[in-house]
Protein backbone atom coordinates (compact mmCIF):
# COMPACT_ATOMS: atom_id res chain seq x y z
CA MET A 1 -49.19 -20.51 -54.58
CA ARG A 2 -49.65 -23.64 -52.45
CA GLU A 3 -47.28 -22.25 -49.84
CA LYS A 4 -49.34 -19.02 -49.58
CA ILE A 5 -52.59 -20.98 -49.15
CA ARG A 6 -50.97 -23.18 -46.52
CA GLU A 7 -49.71 -20.10 -44.72
CA ARG A 8 -53.19 -18.56 -44.67
CA VAL A 9 -54.69 -21.78 -43.30
CA MET A 10 -52.09 -21.92 -40.55
CA VAL A 11 -52.81 -18.28 -39.60
CA ARG A 12 -56.53 -18.94 -39.44
CA ARG A 13 -56.03 -22.05 -37.31
CA SER A 14 -53.76 -20.13 -34.93
CA ALA A 15 -56.31 -17.32 -34.64
CA PHE A 16 -59.13 -19.77 -34.00
CA LYS A 17 -57.07 -21.56 -31.29
CA SER A 18 -56.26 -18.27 -29.60
CA LEU A 19 -59.91 -17.31 -29.62
CA PHE A 20 -60.97 -20.69 -28.27
CA LEU A 21 -58.43 -20.51 -25.42
CA ALA A 22 -59.51 -16.97 -24.57
CA LEU A 23 -63.18 -18.01 -24.33
CA ALA A 24 -62.27 -21.06 -22.25
CA SER A 25 -60.30 -18.85 -19.83
CA VAL A 26 -63.22 -16.53 -19.37
CA THR A 27 -65.51 -19.53 -18.71
CA LEU A 28 -63.10 -20.81 -16.05
CA LEU A 29 -62.78 -17.42 -14.39
CA THR A 30 -66.47 -16.66 -14.16
CA GLY A 31 -67.58 -19.85 -12.38
CA CYS A 32 -71.30 -20.62 -12.58
CA VAL A 33 -72.54 -17.29 -13.88
CA HIS A 34 -74.59 -15.32 -16.31
CA ASN A 35 -78.24 -14.68 -16.84
CA GLN A 36 -79.90 -16.37 -19.80
CA PRO A 37 -82.73 -14.57 -21.61
CA ARG A 38 -85.55 -16.98 -22.36
CA SER A 39 -89.28 -17.08 -22.85
CA PHE A 40 -89.65 -19.94 -20.28
CA SER A 41 -89.65 -18.85 -16.65
CA PRO A 42 -88.49 -21.54 -14.23
CA LEU A 43 -89.61 -19.40 -11.34
CA GLU A 44 -93.17 -19.09 -12.62
CA TYR A 45 -93.18 -22.85 -13.23
CA VAL A 46 -92.07 -23.74 -9.65
CA HIS A 47 -94.56 -21.31 -8.13
CA ALA A 48 -97.37 -22.87 -10.11
CA ASN A 49 -96.32 -26.52 -9.90
CA THR A 50 -93.87 -27.10 -7.12
CA ARG A 51 -95.18 -24.76 -4.47
CA PRO A 52 -98.52 -26.52 -3.82
CA GLN A 53 -97.02 -29.90 -3.01
CA LEU A 54 -94.13 -28.27 -1.12
CA GLU A 55 -96.59 -26.45 1.13
CA THR A 56 -98.39 -29.73 1.80
CA ARG A 57 -95.16 -31.44 2.88
CA LEU A 58 -94.24 -28.44 5.12
CA ALA A 59 -97.63 -28.53 6.82
CA LYS A 60 -97.06 -32.17 7.80
CA GLN A 61 -94.07 -31.01 9.80
CA ASP A 62 -95.90 -27.97 11.24
CA LEU A 63 -93.82 -25.66 9.03
CA ARG A 64 -94.84 -23.12 6.35
CA MET A 65 -93.51 -21.10 3.49
CA GLY A 66 -91.85 -17.91 4.84
CA ASP A 67 -90.43 -19.49 7.97
CA PRO A 68 -86.72 -18.71 8.55
CA VAL A 69 -84.46 -21.06 6.63
CA TYR A 70 -80.95 -22.42 7.36
CA LEU A 71 -78.94 -24.43 4.75
CA ARG A 72 -76.14 -26.79 5.80
CA ALA A 73 -74.07 -28.60 3.15
CA PHE A 74 -71.53 -31.43 3.42
CA LYS A 75 -69.17 -31.90 0.51
CA SER A 76 -67.97 -35.41 1.34
CA GLU A 77 -71.48 -36.75 1.96
CA MET A 78 -72.82 -34.74 -1.02
CA GLN A 79 -75.77 -33.55 0.95
CA MET A 80 -77.58 -30.26 1.57
CA GLU A 81 -79.88 -30.05 4.56
CA VAL A 82 -82.70 -27.60 4.68
CA TRP A 83 -83.66 -26.57 8.23
CA MET A 84 -86.58 -24.32 9.10
CA GLN A 85 -87.46 -22.53 12.31
CA ASN A 86 -90.22 -24.03 14.39
CA ARG A 87 -92.63 -21.25 15.39
CA LYS A 88 -93.40 -22.96 18.71
CA THR A 89 -89.86 -23.72 19.97
CA GLY A 90 -87.72 -21.21 18.00
CA GLN A 91 -85.35 -24.01 17.19
CA TYR A 92 -84.77 -25.28 13.72
CA ASP A 93 -86.24 -28.54 12.47
CA LEU A 94 -84.78 -30.61 9.65
CA PHE A 95 -87.21 -30.30 6.72
CA GLN A 96 -85.34 -32.32 4.10
CA THR A 97 -81.94 -33.55 3.05
CA TYR A 98 -81.28 -33.01 -0.67
CA PRO A 99 -78.51 -34.88 -2.60
CA ILE A 100 -75.90 -32.60 -4.17
CA CYS A 101 -75.68 -33.77 -7.78
CA ARG A 102 -72.21 -32.26 -8.40
CA ALA A 103 -69.63 -30.31 -6.44
CA SER A 104 -66.25 -29.93 -8.15
CA GLY A 105 -62.88 -30.03 -6.47
CA LYS A 106 -61.80 -31.87 -3.30
CA LEU A 107 -62.02 -31.43 0.45
CA GLY A 108 -60.65 -28.07 1.54
CA PRO A 109 -61.65 -24.43 0.93
CA LYS A 110 -61.65 -22.55 -2.34
CA GLN A 111 -58.41 -20.52 -2.61
CA LYS A 112 -58.27 -18.74 -5.90
CA GLU A 113 -60.16 -17.79 -9.02
CA GLY A 114 -60.34 -20.57 -11.52
CA ASP A 115 -59.39 -23.50 -9.24
CA GLU A 116 -62.92 -24.95 -9.68
CA GLN A 117 -63.06 -25.68 -5.96
CA ALA A 118 -66.31 -25.55 -4.06
CA PRO A 119 -65.93 -23.23 -0.98
CA GLU A 120 -66.11 -24.14 2.68
CA GLY A 121 -67.20 -21.67 5.29
CA PHE A 122 -70.05 -19.63 6.66
CA TYR A 123 -72.07 -17.63 4.11
CA THR A 124 -75.35 -15.75 3.92
CA VAL A 125 -77.84 -15.17 1.06
CA SER A 126 -79.92 -11.97 0.78
CA ASP A 127 -82.63 -11.24 -1.82
CA LYS A 128 -80.05 -9.44 -4.04
CA GLN A 129 -78.22 -12.73 -4.40
CA LEU A 130 -81.20 -14.56 -5.95
CA ASN A 131 -81.05 -15.17 -9.69
CA PRO A 132 -84.29 -16.36 -11.34
CA ASN A 133 -82.69 -15.99 -14.78
CA SER A 134 -79.79 -18.32 -14.20
CA LYS A 135 -78.07 -20.23 -16.96
CA PHE A 136 -78.56 -23.23 -14.61
CA TYR A 137 -82.41 -22.99 -14.13
CA LEU A 138 -82.44 -21.07 -10.81
CA SER A 139 -79.56 -20.06 -8.56
CA PHE A 140 -78.43 -17.95 -5.68
CA ASN A 141 -74.96 -16.54 -5.03
CA LEU A 142 -73.15 -17.65 -1.87
CA GLY A 143 -71.39 -14.33 -1.36
CA TYR A 144 -67.90 -15.80 -1.73
CA PRO A 145 -65.42 -14.45 -0.84
CA ASN A 146 -66.75 -13.53 2.60
CA GLU A 147 -64.83 -11.57 5.26
CA TYR A 148 -62.83 -14.62 6.31
CA ASP A 149 -61.89 -15.52 2.72
CA ARG A 150 -60.75 -11.95 2.02
CA ALA A 151 -58.64 -11.91 5.21
CA HIS A 152 -56.87 -15.03 3.85
CA LYS A 153 -56.46 -13.39 0.37
CA ARG A 154 -58.75 -15.97 -1.30
CA THR A 155 -60.12 -14.95 -4.67
CA GLY A 156 -63.02 -16.01 -6.76
CA SER A 157 -66.50 -14.93 -7.77
CA ALA A 158 -69.95 -16.17 -8.76
CA LEU A 159 -69.99 -19.24 -6.55
CA MET A 160 -73.61 -20.47 -6.70
CA VAL A 161 -76.10 -23.02 -5.52
CA HIS A 162 -77.91 -23.81 -8.77
CA GLY A 163 -79.83 -26.35 -10.83
CA ASN A 164 -78.47 -28.75 -13.46
CA CYS A 165 -75.69 -31.22 -12.66
CA LEU A 166 -72.62 -29.32 -13.82
CA SER A 167 -70.17 -27.59 -11.48
CA LYS A 168 -67.13 -25.40 -11.70
CA GLY A 169 -66.85 -24.64 -7.99
CA CYS A 170 -70.57 -24.38 -7.34
CA LEU A 171 -73.09 -26.74 -5.76
CA ALA A 172 -75.30 -28.22 -8.46
CA MET A 173 -78.64 -29.50 -7.09
CA THR A 174 -80.59 -30.57 -10.27
CA ASP A 175 -83.47 -28.43 -11.50
CA GLU A 176 -86.12 -30.20 -9.47
CA ASN A 177 -84.30 -29.81 -6.17
CA ILE A 178 -83.13 -26.22 -6.68
CA GLY A 179 -86.75 -25.32 -7.47
CA GLU A 180 -87.79 -26.31 -3.91
CA ILE A 181 -84.74 -24.88 -2.21
CA TYR A 182 -84.95 -21.56 -4.10
CA LEU A 183 -88.69 -21.19 -3.18
CA LEU A 184 -87.96 -21.74 0.50
CA VAL A 185 -85.12 -19.26 0.51
CA GLU A 186 -87.05 -16.65 -1.53
CA GLU A 187 -90.14 -16.90 0.67
CA SER A 188 -88.11 -16.61 3.85
CA LEU A 189 -86.51 -13.42 2.58
CA LYS A 190 -89.83 -12.05 1.30
CA ASN A 191 -91.21 -12.55 4.79
CA GLY A 192 -88.67 -10.07 6.21
CA ASN A 193 -86.36 -12.60 7.86
CA ASP A 194 -82.62 -12.11 8.07
CA PRO A 195 -80.37 -13.30 5.21
CA VAL A 196 -80.34 -17.07 4.99
CA PRO A 197 -77.22 -18.71 6.56
CA VAL A 198 -75.55 -21.25 4.28
CA HIS A 199 -72.85 -23.24 6.08
CA ILE A 200 -70.71 -25.38 3.84
CA PHE A 201 -68.63 -28.09 5.66
CA PRO A 202 -66.11 -30.51 4.19
CA PHE A 203 -67.92 -33.40 6.01
CA LYS A 204 -70.13 -34.06 9.01
CA MET A 205 -67.76 -32.91 11.72
CA THR A 206 -68.03 -35.72 14.23
CA GLU A 207 -65.07 -36.50 16.47
CA GLU A 208 -64.48 -39.71 14.52
CA LYS A 209 -64.35 -37.96 11.13
CA MET A 210 -62.15 -35.16 12.50
CA ALA A 211 -59.73 -37.78 13.84
CA MET A 212 -59.47 -39.34 10.39
CA ARG A 213 -58.27 -36.00 8.97
CA LEU A 214 -55.82 -35.14 11.80
CA TYR A 215 -52.88 -34.79 9.38
CA SER A 216 -54.66 -32.80 6.73
CA GLU A 217 -53.19 -29.34 5.95
CA TRP A 218 -56.73 -27.99 6.55
CA TYR A 219 -57.12 -29.55 9.97
CA PRO A 220 -56.67 -26.24 11.87
CA PHE A 221 -59.26 -24.56 9.65
CA TRP A 222 -61.66 -27.41 10.17
CA VAL A 223 -61.21 -27.23 13.97
CA ASN A 224 -62.33 -23.58 13.73
CA MET A 225 -65.33 -24.57 11.55
CA LYS A 226 -66.27 -27.33 13.93
CA GLU A 227 -66.96 -24.71 16.62
CA GLY A 228 -69.90 -23.49 14.55
CA TYR A 229 -70.96 -27.00 13.66
CA ASP A 230 -71.03 -28.08 17.28
CA LEU A 231 -72.99 -25.04 18.38
CA PHE A 232 -75.76 -25.80 15.90
CA GLU A 233 -75.76 -29.47 16.91
CA LEU A 234 -76.34 -28.39 20.52
CA ALA A 235 -78.87 -25.51 20.16
CA HIS A 236 -80.44 -26.23 16.78
CA VAL A 237 -80.15 -22.50 16.16
CA PRO A 238 -77.60 -21.17 13.61
CA PRO A 239 -74.92 -19.40 15.62
CA PRO A 240 -74.12 -15.70 14.84
CA VAL A 241 -70.85 -15.70 12.92
CA SER A 242 -68.19 -12.99 12.75
CA VAL A 243 -64.47 -12.82 11.94
CA LYS A 244 -61.87 -11.87 14.51
CA ASN A 245 -58.10 -12.13 14.11
CA ARG A 246 -58.54 -13.91 10.80
CA GLN A 247 -60.63 -16.66 12.45
CA TYR A 248 -64.35 -17.43 12.59
CA ALA A 249 -65.91 -16.35 15.87
CA PHE A 250 -69.28 -17.38 17.23
CA ASN A 251 -71.36 -15.26 19.63
CA THR A 252 -72.81 -17.81 22.01
CA ASP A 253 -74.40 -15.05 24.12
CA LEU A 254 -77.07 -14.71 21.41
CA LEU A 255 -78.04 -18.36 21.56
CA PRO A 256 -80.70 -19.57 24.04
CA PRO A 257 -79.60 -21.94 26.81
CA ILE A 258 -79.62 -25.52 25.59
CA GLY A 259 -83.10 -27.07 26.02
CA THR A 260 -84.78 -23.65 26.39
CA SER A 261 -87.30 -22.55 23.79
CA TYR A 262 -87.82 -19.01 22.60
CA VAL A 263 -91.41 -19.27 23.87
CA GLN A 264 -90.08 -19.92 27.40
CA LEU A 265 -87.64 -17.07 27.11
CA ALA A 266 -90.41 -14.68 25.98
CA LYS A 267 -92.47 -15.47 29.13
CA LYS A 268 -89.62 -14.45 31.47
């Protein structure tokens, strides 16, 4: 009798363990995903409470809600910069640098589903990628894998910029900071602007920092990324990005001459 009871207990334990492992696998594979039904609406809250003071800070820099937005993140420095287009010059001004609360993994691109690695590359966010019902307060999908990632057979899904301070391959910004970033992205898209560029770099790609990583396996990839980094540093306009021969390509013909404003170009 005791043996039968012991056998039943062992079977139940085995079944529970299998179920737990299965659920854990699903969690690892799905990244930072899923909507969460709730009565509380973070988006309504940030529109009512965050937006007024955000608009005041924007006005001090001669910026406003709805201006084109560009996001630039650095994994090593754990920073996300929010740049916005100046209506007078056409170039982008730095509005604010937000600390990244958590970004899992190490330097180098995401390669496969479940590696819990934050991506590196050039991404864009459209209105369809916004998620006001995120499990992590508010979020938007980065669009990983992009064309470059697919060309290199990289896999993964649901890579987000979101609130909270937990990450499985995403960029976690805290609820307070994602509220501001989400609003700026949302309003830019509502205003009819192009999808918001989100460029994620391993580090600030200065010559000195590149030299420190000369022997990294990812050095050739980073050299390619540095082309886009340098173009923005020079023009303060996000460069148009495409993929050719499995490499990032940047159309410099669409950028204004250095030191030339869009206002000056329009007068010609």
